[in-house]
N, C-alpha and C. Protein backbone atom coordinates (compact mmCIF):
# COMPACT_ATOMS: atom_id res chain seq x y z
N UNK A 1 13.48 59.13 41.29
CA UNK A 1 12.23 59.58 40.70
C UNK A 1 11.63 58.22 41.00
N UNK A 2 10.27 58.45 41.44
CA UNK A 2 9.12 57.17 42.25
C UNK A 2 8.78 56.74 40.42
N UNK A 3 8.28 55.34 40.36
CA UNK A 3 7.82 55.12 39.41
C UNK A 3 6.72 55.71 38.68
N UNK A 4 5.80 56.04 39.75
CA UNK A 4 4.56 57.00 39.46
C UNK A 4 5.11 58.11 38.71
N UNK A 5 5.91 59.10 39.40
CA UNK A 5 6.44 59.81 39.01
C UNK A 5 6.60 59.86 37.72
N UNK A 6 7.61 58.78 36.94
CA UNK A 6 8.13 58.39 35.82
C UNK A 6 7.06 58.36 34.81
N UNK A 7 6.05 57.65 35.14
CA UNK A 7 4.73 57.39 34.43
C UNK A 7 3.55 58.85 34.32
N UNK A 8 3.80 59.56 35.49
CA UNK A 8 2.88 60.82 35.03
C UNK A 8 4.41 62.02 34.23
N UNK A 9 5.24 61.98 34.31
CA UNK A 9 6.36 62.68 33.04
C UNK A 9 5.70 62.04 31.46
N UNK A 10 6.15 60.90 31.71
CA UNK A 10 5.80 59.90 30.23
C UNK A 10 4.43 60.20 29.79
N UNK A 11 3.28 60.63 30.74
CA UNK A 11 1.98 60.67 30.14
C UNK A 11 1.99 62.27 29.62
N UNK A 12 2.64 62.99 30.43
CA UNK A 12 2.64 64.62 29.87
C UNK A 12 3.58 65.10 28.43
N UNK A 13 4.91 63.69 28.36
CA UNK A 13 5.59 64.25 26.99
C UNK A 13 4.83 63.50 26.41
N UNK A 14 3.85 62.34 26.32
CA UNK A 14 2.91 61.84 24.82
C UNK A 14 2.00 63.19 24.79
N UNK A 15 1.48 63.54 25.71
CA UNK A 15 0.45 64.92 25.41
C UNK A 15 1.08 65.70 24.67
N UNK A 16 2.13 66.38 25.00
CA UNK A 16 2.76 66.93 24.03
C UNK A 16 3.09 67.00 23.05
N UNK A 17 3.68 65.57 22.68
CA UNK A 17 4.08 65.07 21.00
C UNK A 17 2.70 65.26 20.58
N UNK A 18 1.67 64.31 21.23
CA UNK A 18 -0.10 64.34 19.94
C UNK A 18 0.38 66.03 20.09
N UNK A 19 0.77 67.18 20.22
CA UNK A 19 -0.09 68.59 20.33
C UNK A 19 0.85 68.63 19.28
N UNK A 20 1.75 68.84 19.20
CA UNK A 20 3.01 68.71 18.46
C UNK A 20 2.73 68.14 16.84
N UNK A 21 2.63 66.73 16.72
CA UNK A 21 2.36 66.42 15.85
C UNK A 21 0.92 65.82 15.12
N UNK A 22 -0.26 66.28 16.31
CA UNK A 22 -1.92 66.02 15.42
C UNK A 22 -2.70 67.49 16.02
N UNK A 23 -2.34 68.17 16.53
CA UNK A 23 -3.02 69.49 16.16
C UNK A 23 -4.26 68.65 17.09
N UNK A 24 -5.23 69.48 16.38
CA UNK A 24 -6.79 69.37 16.67
C UNK A 24 -7.49 68.16 16.77
N UNK A 25 -6.88 67.47 15.84
CA UNK A 25 -7.27 66.09 15.45
C UNK A 25 -7.15 64.95 16.89
N UNK A 26 -5.92 65.52 17.81
CA UNK A 26 -5.96 64.41 18.84
C UNK A 26 -5.99 65.17 20.12
N UNK A 27 -7.23 66.20 20.12
CA UNK A 27 -7.59 67.14 21.43
C UNK A 27 -7.93 65.88 22.34
N UNK A 28 -8.82 64.59 22.15
CA UNK A 28 -9.59 63.83 22.87
C UNK A 28 -8.48 63.16 23.61
N UNK A 29 -7.56 62.80 22.87
CA UNK A 29 -6.02 61.47 22.89
C UNK A 29 -5.21 62.55 24.11
N UNK A 30 -4.94 63.91 24.08
CA UNK A 30 -4.23 64.86 24.33
C UNK A 30 -5.22 65.00 25.98
N UNK A 31 -6.45 65.71 25.54
CA UNK A 31 -6.59 65.51 27.24
C UNK A 31 -6.84 64.68 28.20
N UNK A 32 -7.05 63.06 27.36
CA UNK A 32 -7.29 61.92 28.42
C UNK A 32 -5.50 61.82 28.96
N UNK A 33 -4.90 61.82 27.92
CA UNK A 33 -3.31 61.74 28.59
C UNK A 33 -2.95 62.63 29.98
N UNK A 34 -3.03 64.02 29.35
CA UNK A 34 -3.31 65.10 30.72
C UNK A 34 -4.30 64.91 32.04
N UNK A 35 -5.50 64.63 31.79
CA UNK A 35 -6.47 64.23 33.13
C UNK A 35 -5.60 62.73 33.56
N UNK A 36 -5.46 61.78 32.92
CA UNK A 36 -4.54 60.74 33.44
C UNK A 36 -3.30 60.55 34.38
N UNK A 37 -2.59 61.85 33.84
CA UNK A 37 -1.64 62.34 34.45
C UNK A 37 -1.87 63.19 35.81
N UNK A 38 -2.85 64.04 35.69
CA UNK A 38 -3.23 64.69 37.18
C UNK A 38 -4.03 63.93 38.01
N UNK A 39 -4.53 62.85 37.46
CA UNK A 39 -5.78 61.60 38.21
C UNK A 39 -4.49 60.99 39.16
N UNK A 40 -3.37 60.55 38.73
CA UNK A 40 -1.94 59.91 39.35
C UNK A 40 -1.38 60.85 40.15
N UNK A 41 -1.28 61.64 39.61
CA UNK A 41 -0.84 62.80 40.47
C UNK A 41 -1.30 63.05 42.03
N UNK A 42 -2.42 63.26 41.90
CA UNK A 42 -3.80 63.67 43.00
C UNK A 42 -3.56 62.53 43.97
N UNK A 43 -3.87 61.19 43.30
CA UNK A 43 -4.13 59.74 44.10
C UNK A 43 -2.89 60.00 44.66
N UNK A 44 -1.57 59.83 44.45
CA UNK A 44 -0.55 59.85 45.07
C UNK A 44 -0.20 60.03 46.28
N UNK A 45 -0.38 61.59 46.34
CA UNK A 45 -0.34 62.37 47.08
C UNK A 45 -1.12 61.99 48.22
N UNK A 46 -2.61 61.43 47.81
CA UNK A 46 -3.48 61.43 49.06
C UNK A 46 -2.82 60.14 49.70
N UNK A 47 -2.79 59.21 48.69
CA UNK A 47 -2.01 57.63 49.55
C UNK A 47 -0.95 58.36 50.53
N UNK A 48 0.54 59.05 50.18
CA UNK A 48 1.07 59.05 50.88
C UNK A 48 0.32 60.21 52.02
N UNK A 49 -0.52 61.05 51.83
CA UNK A 49 -0.98 61.62 53.07
C UNK A 49 -1.48 60.64 54.08
N UNK A 50 -2.54 59.47 53.71
CA UNK A 50 -2.97 58.99 54.20
C UNK A 50 -2.27 57.87 54.94
N UNK A 51 -0.53 57.56 54.48
CA UNK A 51 0.10 56.78 54.84
C UNK A 51 0.95 57.32 56.07
N UNK A 52 0.82 59.00 56.14
CA UNK A 52 1.62 59.25 56.75
C UNK A 52 3.16 59.92 56.10
N UNK A 53 3.44 59.58 55.42
CA UNK A 53 4.79 59.77 54.65
C UNK A 53 5.13 61.10 53.85
N UNK A 54 6.41 60.96 54.66
CA UNK A 54 6.86 62.61 54.17
C UNK A 54 7.85 61.95 53.13
N UNK A 55 8.58 62.82 52.66
CA UNK A 55 9.05 62.88 51.31
C UNK A 55 10.49 61.68 51.45
N UNK A 56 10.71 60.97 51.28
CA UNK A 56 11.38 59.76 51.85
C UNK A 56 10.98 58.78 52.43
N UNK A 57 10.09 59.01 53.08
CA UNK A 57 9.74 57.66 53.53
C UNK A 57 10.61 56.70 54.42
N UNK A 58 11.69 56.55 54.19
CA UNK A 58 13.13 55.91 54.66
C UNK A 58 12.43 55.49 56.43
N UNK A 59 11.53 56.90 57.13
CA UNK A 59 11.80 56.76 58.59
C UNK A 59 10.32 55.39 58.80
N UNK A 60 9.49 55.50 57.75
CA UNK A 60 8.40 54.52 57.99
C UNK A 60 8.95 53.09 57.39
N UNK A 61 9.90 52.98 56.70
CA UNK A 61 10.35 51.50 56.66
C UNK A 61 10.35 51.32 55.50
N UNK A 62 10.22 52.52 54.55
CA UNK A 62 10.01 52.29 53.14
C UNK A 62 10.14 52.98 51.99
N UNK A 63 10.83 52.82 51.42
CA UNK A 63 11.11 54.49 50.65
C UNK A 63 9.70 54.96 49.52
N UNK A 64 10.34 56.03 49.13
CA UNK A 64 9.14 57.05 48.48
C UNK A 64 8.64 55.72 47.41
N UNK A 65 9.34 55.34 46.65
CA UNK A 65 8.36 54.51 44.95
C UNK A 65 7.52 53.19 45.64
N UNK A 66 8.04 53.01 47.08
CA UNK A 66 6.90 52.00 47.27
C UNK A 66 4.94 51.96 46.82
C-alpha cells in the first residue's frame, strides 16, 4: 500500500474515532478529516492519470508509492 493510501486510511480512521468519541461536538473536525482524505485520493488519481501510470507503475521505471 502506498504512503498516500496509508495516510488516507489514517484520516478516515481518525474521523471515525472522532465520531465515536465526540459526537456532534467534533462535527467540523470529522468533516475536515473526511474532506482531506477525499482530496488526497482525488489528487493522487489525477497525478497517476497525468503521468500515464497504471496500477504497479513498474513499467514506467517507478513504483506506485513514488
